[in-house]
PDB file of N, CA and C in Angstrom:
ATOM      1  N   MET A   1       0.842  -1.178   0.000  1.00  0.00           N
ATOM      2  CA  MET A   1       0.000   0.000   0.000  1.00  0.00           C
ATOM      3  C   MET A   1       0.889   1.244   0.000  1.00  0.00           C
ATOM      4  N   PHE A   2       0.544   2.188  -0.838  1.00  0.00           N
ATOM      5  CA  PHE A   2       1.305   3.425  -0.949  1.00  0.00           C
ATOM      6  C   PHE A   2       0.624   4.538  -0.162  1.00  0.00           C
ATOM      7  N   SER A   3       1.422   5.517   0.236  1.00  0.00           N
ATOM      8  CA  SER A   3       0.873   6.683   0.932  1.00  0.00           C
ATOM      9  C   SER A   3       0.017   7.490  -0.041  1.00  0.00           C
ATOM     10  N   ALA A   4      -0.784   8.384   0.510  1.00  0.00           N
ATOM     11  CA  ALA A   4      -1.633   9.241  -0.322  1.00  0.00           C
ATOM     12  C   ALA A   4      -0.771  10.100  -1.249  1.00  0.00           C
ATOM     13  N   GLU A   5       0.361  10.561  -0.751  1.00  0.00           N
ATOM     14  CA  GLU A   5       1.262  11.382  -1.556  1.00  0.00           C
ATOM     15  C   GLU A   5       1.826  10.595  -2.735  1.00  0.00           C
ATOM     16  N   THR A   6       2.254   9.376  -2.467  1.00  0.00           N
ATOM     17  CA  THR A   6       2.797   8.529  -3.533  1.00  0.00           C
ATOM     18  C   THR A   6       1.714   8.163  -4.536  1.00  0.00           C
ATOM     19  N   THR A   7       0.520   7.865  -4.054  1.00  0.00           N
ATOM     20  CA  THR A   7      -0.594   7.540  -4.937  1.00  0.00           C
ATOM     21  C   THR A   7      -0.902   8.706  -5.868  1.00  0.00           C
ATOM     22  N   ALA A   8      -0.885   9.907  -5.331  1.00  0.00           N
ATOM     23  CA  ALA A   8      -1.121  11.099  -6.153  1.00  0.00           C
ATOM     24  C   ALA A   8      -0.025  11.247  -7.215  1.00  0.00           C
ATOM     25  N   LEU A   9       1.215  10.982  -6.838  1.00  0.00           N
ATOM     26  CA  LEU A   9       2.330  11.041  -7.781  1.00  0.00           C
ATOM     27  C   LEU A   9       2.147  10.008  -8.888  1.00  0.00           C
ATOM     28  N   LEU A  10       1.784   8.791  -8.523  1.00  0.00           N
ATOM     29  CA  LEU A  10       1.584   7.725  -9.501  1.00  0.00           C
ATOM     30  C   LEU A  10       0.492   8.099 -10.502  1.00  0.00           C
ATOM     31  N   ARG A  11      -0.593   8.657 -10.002  1.00  0.00           N
ATOM     32  CA  ARG A  11      -1.693   9.067 -10.889  1.00  0.00           C
ATOM     33  C   ARG A  11      -1.260  10.191 -11.820  1.00  0.00           C
ATOM     34  N   ALA A  12      -0.529  11.143 -11.277  1.00  0.00           N
ATOM     35  CA  ALA A  12      -0.067  12.273 -12.088  1.00  0.00           C
ATOM     36  C   ALA A  12       0.868  11.803 -13.199  1.00  0.00           C
ATOM     37  N   VAL A  13       1.772  10.895 -12.863  1.00  0.00           N
ATOM     38  CA  VAL A  13       2.703  10.368 -13.865  1.00  0.00           C
ATOM     39  C   VAL A  13       1.935   9.576 -14.920  1.00  0.00           C
ATOM     40  N   LEU A  14       0.987   8.776 -14.498  1.00  0.00           N
ATOM     41  CA  LEU A  14       0.179   8.002 -15.452  1.00  0.00           C
ATOM     42  C   LEU A  14      -0.531   8.938 -16.422  1.00  0.00           C
ATOM     43  N   GLU A  15      -1.156   9.973 -15.915  1.00  0.00           N
ATOM     44  CA  GLU A  15      -1.865  10.915 -16.774  1.00  0.00           C
ATOM     45  C   GLU A  15      -0.917  11.632 -17.724  1.00  0.00           C
ATOM     46  N   GLU A  16       0.258  11.969 -17.241  1.00  0.00           N
ATOM     47  CA  GLU A  16       1.243  12.645 -18.094  1.00  0.00           C
ATOM     48  C   GLU A  16       1.716  11.717 -19.213  1.00  0.00           C
ATOM     49  N   VAL A  17       2.085  10.501 -18.855  1.00  0.00           N
ATOM     50  CA  VAL A  17       2.599   9.552 -19.841  1.00  0.00           C
ATOM     51  C   VAL A  17       1.515   9.192 -20.864  1.00  0.00           C
ATOM     52  N   CYS A  18       0.285   9.120 -20.403  1.00  0.00           N
ATOM     53  CA  CYS A  18      -0.814   8.691 -21.272  1.00  0.00           C
ATOM     54  C   CYS A  18      -1.619   9.856 -21.843  1.00  0.00           C
ATOM     55  N   GLU A  19      -1.081  11.062 -21.814  1.00  0.00           N
ATOM     56  CA  GLU A  19      -1.852  12.214 -22.268  1.00  0.00           C
ATOM     57  C   GLU A  19      -2.285  12.090 -23.731  1.00  0.00           C
ATOM     58  N   GLU A  20      -1.540  11.362 -24.540  1.00  0.00           N
ATOM     59  CA  GLU A  20      -1.881  11.187 -25.955  1.00  0.00           C
ATOM     60  C   GLU A  20      -2.717   9.913 -26.194  1.00  0.00           C
ATOM     61  N   ILE A  21      -2.904   9.117 -25.150  1.00  0.00           N
ATOM     62  CA  ILE A  21      -3.628   7.850 -25.264  1.00  0.00           C
ATOM     63  C   ILE A  21      -5.097   8.104 -24.904  1.00  0.00           C
ATOM     64  N   PRO A  22      -6.023   7.782 -25.795  1.00  0.00           N
ATOM     65  CA  PRO A  22      -7.445   7.982 -25.472  1.00  0.00           C
ATOM     66  C   PRO A  22      -7.852   7.177 -24.232  1.00  0.00           C
ATOM     67  N   VAL A  23      -8.756   7.733 -23.461  1.00  0.00           N
ATOM     68  CA  VAL A  23      -9.249   7.057 -22.252  1.00  0.00           C
ATOM     69  C   VAL A  23      -9.888   5.722 -22.618  1.00  0.00           C
ATOM     70  N   SER A  24     -10.400   5.622 -23.825  1.00  0.00           N
ATOM     71  CA  SER A  24     -11.033   4.376 -24.268  1.00  0.00           C
ATOM     72  C   SER A  24     -10.032   3.240 -24.474  1.00  0.00           C
ATOM     73  N   GLU A  25      -8.745   3.555 -24.544  1.00  0.00           N
ATOM     74  CA  GLU A  25      -7.697   2.535 -24.699  1.00  0.00           C
ATOM     75  C   GLU A  25      -7.318   1.973 -23.332  1.00  0.00           C
ATOM     76  N   VAL A  26      -8.264   1.310 -22.720  1.00  0.00           N
ATOM     77  CA  VAL A  26      -8.112   0.826 -21.349  1.00  0.00           C
ATOM     78  C   VAL A  26      -6.943  -0.146 -21.212  1.00  0.00           C
ATOM     79  N   GLY A  27      -6.783  -1.033 -22.180  1.00  0.00           N
ATOM     80  CA  GLY A  27      -5.706  -2.023 -22.106  1.00  0.00           C
ATOM     81  C   GLY A  27      -4.328  -1.379 -22.087  1.00  0.00           C
ATOM     82  N   VAL A  28      -4.128  -0.389 -22.927  1.00  0.00           N
ATOM     83  CA  VAL A  28      -2.839   0.303 -22.990  1.00  0.00           C
ATOM     84  C   VAL A  28      -2.594   1.060 -21.689  1.00  0.00           C
ATOM     85  N   ARG A  29      -3.595   1.789 -21.249  1.00  0.00           N
ATOM     86  CA  ARG A  29      -3.449   2.580 -20.023  1.00  0.00           C
ATOM     87  C   ARG A  29      -3.213   1.669 -18.808  1.00  0.00           C
ATOM     88  N   THR A  30      -3.866   0.518 -18.791  1.00  0.00           N
ATOM     89  CA  THR A  30      -3.674  -0.442 -17.702  1.00  0.00           C
ATOM     90  C   THR A  30      -2.259  -0.991 -17.721  1.00  0.00           C
ATOM     91  N   HIS A  31      -1.747  -1.280 -18.900  1.00  0.00           N
ATOM     92  CA  HIS A  31      -0.373  -1.792 -19.029  1.00  0.00           C
ATOM     93  C   HIS A  31       0.628  -0.758 -18.514  1.00  0.00           C
ATOM     94  N   VAL A  32       0.450   0.496 -18.915  1.00  0.00           N
ATOM     95  CA  VAL A  32       1.338   1.564 -18.454  1.00  0.00           C
ATOM     96  C   VAL A  32       1.250   1.700 -16.935  1.00  0.00           C
ATOM     97  N   ALA A  33       0.033   1.697 -16.412  1.00  0.00           N
ATOM     98  CA  ALA A  33      -0.157   1.814 -14.961  1.00  0.00           C
ATOM     99  C   ALA A  33       0.535   0.680 -14.221  1.00  0.00           C
ATOM    100  N   SER A  34       0.436  -0.532 -14.758  1.00  0.00           N
ATOM    101  CA  SER A  34       1.057  -1.671 -14.079  1.00  0.00           C
ATOM    102  C   SER A  34       2.572  -1.536 -14.043  1.00  0.00           C
ATOM    103  N   LYS A  35       3.161  -1.019 -15.108  1.00  0.00           N
ATOM    104  CA  LYS A  35       4.618  -0.841 -15.140  1.00  0.00           C
ATOM    105  C   LYS A  35       5.062   0.275 -14.197  1.00  0.00           C
ATOM    106  N   ILE A  36       4.262   1.318 -14.097  1.00  0.00           N
ATOM    107  CA  ILE A  36       4.571   2.401 -13.148  1.00  0.00           C
ATOM    108  C   ILE A  36       4.464   1.869 -11.723  1.00  0.00           C
ATOM    109  N   LEU A  37       3.423   1.114 -11.442  1.00  0.00           N
ATOM    110  CA  LEU A  37       3.261   0.522 -10.103  1.00  0.00           C
ATOM    111  C   LEU A  37       4.397  -0.450  -9.780  1.00  0.00           C
ATOM    112  N   GLU A  38       4.796  -1.231 -10.759  1.00  0.00           N
ATOM    113  CA  GLU A  38       5.899  -2.180 -10.576  1.00  0.00           C
ATOM    114  C   GLU A  38       7.185  -1.436 -10.204  1.00  0.00           C
ATOM    115  N   ALA A  39       7.452  -0.350 -10.900  1.00  0.00           N
ATOM    116  CA  ALA A  39       8.643   0.446 -10.601  1.00  0.00           C
ATOM    117  C   ALA A  39       8.564   1.025  -9.187  1.00  0.00           C
ATOM    118  N   ALA A  40       7.409   1.531  -8.815  1.00  0.00           N
ATOM    119  CA  ALA A  40       7.239   2.109  -7.472  1.00  0.00           C
ATOM    120  C   ALA A  40       7.402   1.038  -6.394  1.00  0.00           C
ATOM    121  N   ALA A  41       6.890  -0.152  -6.662  1.00  0.00           N
ATOM    122  CA  ALA A  41       7.010  -1.251  -5.695  1.00  0.00           C
ATOM    123  C   ALA A  41       8.464  -1.668  -5.503  1.00  0.00           C
ATOM    124  N   LYS A  42       9.290  -1.439  -6.523  1.00  0.00           N
ATOM    125  CA  LYS A  42      10.718  -1.761  -6.434  1.00  0.00           C
ATOM    126  C   LYS A  42      11.513  -0.614  -5.805  1.00  0.00           C
ATOM    127  N   GLY A  43      10.807   0.430  -5.371  1.00  0.00           N
ATOM    128  CA  GLY A  43      11.476   1.523  -4.679  1.00  0.00           C
ATOM    129  C   GLY A  43      11.783   2.729  -5.536  1.00  0.00           C
ATOM    130  N   GLN A  44      11.424   2.687  -6.800  1.00  0.00           N
ATOM    131  CA  GLN A  44      11.662   3.822  -7.683  1.00  0.00           C
ATOM    132  C   GLN A  44      10.525   4.818  -7.478  1.00  0.00           C
ATOM    133  N   ARG A  45      10.790   5.854  -6.719  1.00  0.00           N
ATOM    134  CA  ARG A  45       9.730   6.795  -6.368  1.00  0.00           C
ATOM    135  C   ARG A  45       9.940   8.186  -6.944  1.00  0.00           C
ATOM    136  N   SER A  46      11.028   8.400  -7.689  1.00  0.00           N
ATOM    137  CA  SER A  46      11.226   9.729  -8.273  1.00  0.00           C
ATOM    138  C   SER A  46      10.328   9.869  -9.494  1.00  0.00           C
ATOM    139  N   THR A  47       9.919  11.088  -9.750  1.00  0.00           N
ATOM    140  CA  THR A  47       9.067  11.357 -10.901  1.00  0.00           C
ATOM    141  C   THR A  47       9.736  10.894 -12.186  1.00  0.00           C
ATOM    142  N   ASP A  48      11.012  11.176 -12.337  1.00  0.00           N
ATOM    143  CA  ASP A  48      11.728  10.791 -13.558  1.00  0.00           C
ATOM    144  C   ASP A  48      11.766   9.280 -13.744  1.00  0.00           C
ATOM    145  N   ALA A  49      12.029   8.540 -12.689  1.00  0.00           N
ATOM    146  CA  ALA A  49      12.089   7.078 -12.785  1.00  0.00           C
ATOM    147  C   ALA A  49      10.719   6.504 -13.146  1.00  0.00           C
ATOM    148  N   LEU A  50       9.675   7.056 -12.572  1.00  0.00           N
ATOM    149  CA  LEU A  50       8.328   6.570 -12.857  1.00  0.00           C
ATOM    150  C   LEU A  50       7.915   6.925 -14.288  1.00  0.00           C
ATOM    151  N   ARG A  51       8.276   8.118 -14.739  1.00  0.00           N
ATOM    152  CA  ARG A  51       7.990   8.503 -16.133  1.00  0.00           C
ATOM    153  C   ARG A  51       8.704   7.562 -17.094  1.00  0.00           C
ATOM    154  N   THR A  52       9.952   7.259 -16.808  1.00  0.00           N
ATOM    155  CA  THR A  52      10.729   6.367 -17.653  1.00  0.00           C
ATOM    156  C   THR A  52      10.071   4.993 -17.739  1.00  0.00           C
ATOM    157  N   ALA A  53       9.630   4.485 -16.609  1.00  0.00           N
ATOM    158  CA  ALA A  53       8.958   3.178 -16.586  1.00  0.00           C
ATOM    159  C   ALA A  53       7.681   3.215 -17.414  1.00  0.00           C
ATOM    160  N   GLY A  54       6.929   4.282 -17.281  1.00  0.00           N
ATOM    161  CA  GLY A  54       5.693   4.413 -18.036  1.00  0.00           C
ATOM    162  C   GLY A  54       5.944   4.545 -19.523  1.00  0.00           C
ATOM    163  N   ARG A  55       6.915   5.343 -19.904  1.00  0.00           N
ATOM    164  CA  ARG A  55       7.223   5.528 -21.326  1.00  0.00           C
ATOM    165  C   ARG A  55       7.788   4.261 -21.950  1.00  0.00           C
ATOM    166  N   LYS A  56       8.573   3.541 -21.164  1.00  0.00           N
ATOM    167  CA  LYS A  56       9.125   2.277 -21.660  1.00  0.00           C
ATOM    168  C   LYS A  56       8.001   1.278 -21.942  1.00  0.00           C
ATOM    169  N   ALA A  57       6.940   1.338 -21.148  1.00  0.00           N
ATOM    170  CA  ALA A  57       5.794   0.443 -21.355  1.00  0.00           C
ATOM    171  C   ALA A  57       5.098   0.716 -22.680  1.00  0.00           C
ATOM    172  N   LEU A  58       5.282   1.918 -23.224  1.00  0.00           N
ATOM    173  CA  LEU A  58       4.663   2.271 -24.503  1.00  0.00           C
ATOM    174  C   LEU A  58       5.518   1.905 -25.705  1.00  0.00           C
ATOM    175  N   GLU A  59       6.754   1.471 -25.467  1.00  0.00           N
ATOM    176  CA  GLU A  59       7.623   1.077 -26.570  1.00  0.00           C
ATOM    177  C   GLU A  59       7.110  -0.215 -27.184  1.00  0.00           C
ATOM    178  N   PRO A  60       7.225  -0.323 -28.504  1.00  0.00           N
ATOM    179  CA  PRO A  60       6.771  -1.566 -29.139  1.00  0.00           C
ATOM    180  C   PRO A  60       7.620  -2.753 -28.687  1.00  0.00           C
ATOM    181  N   PRO A  61       7.001  -3.884 -28.491  1.00  0.00           N
ATOM    182  CA  PRO A  61       7.773  -5.073 -28.102  1.00  0.00           C
ATOM    183  C   PRO A  61       8.630  -5.565 -29.264  1.00  0.00           C
ATOM    184  N   THR A  62       9.745  -6.140 -28.913  1.00  0.00           N
ATOM    185  CA  THR A  62      10.603  -6.738 -29.938  1.00  0.00           C
ATOM    186  C   THR A  62      10.898  -8.172 -29.560  1.00  0.00           C
ATOM    187  N   ARG A  63      11.220  -8.975 -30.531  1.00  0.00           N
ATOM    188  CA  ARG A  63      11.517 -10.375 -30.283  1.00  0.00           C
ATOM    189  C   ARG A  63      12.946 -10.571 -29.792  1.00  0.00           C
ATOM    190  N   TRP A  64      13.786  -9.576 -29.987  1.00  0.00           N
ATOM    191  CA  TRP A  64      15.199  -9.742 -29.704  1.00  0.00           C
ATOM    192  C   TRP A  64      15.619  -9.293 -28.343  1.00  0.00           C
ATOM    193  N   ARG A  65      14.724  -8.891 -27.519  1.00  0.00           N
ATOM    194  CA  ARG A  65      15.082  -8.463 -26.166  1.00  0.00           C
ATOM    195  C   ARG A  65      15.158  -9.634 -25.248  1.00  0.00           C
TER     196      ARG A  65
END
């Protein structure tokens, strides 16, 4: 469970990262949110680290990774 302050940060980062993603794209937004939450759960609580995690979630998958 995250503090109210951290929860607000997570929501703000999600909205920023997904500003170009329509609200109707629930699957994409959920995927981004899960990656941001995963990063926060690992202790990455800076805005920059959370933004990076969210933006990385939007990168196309590749077979060679």
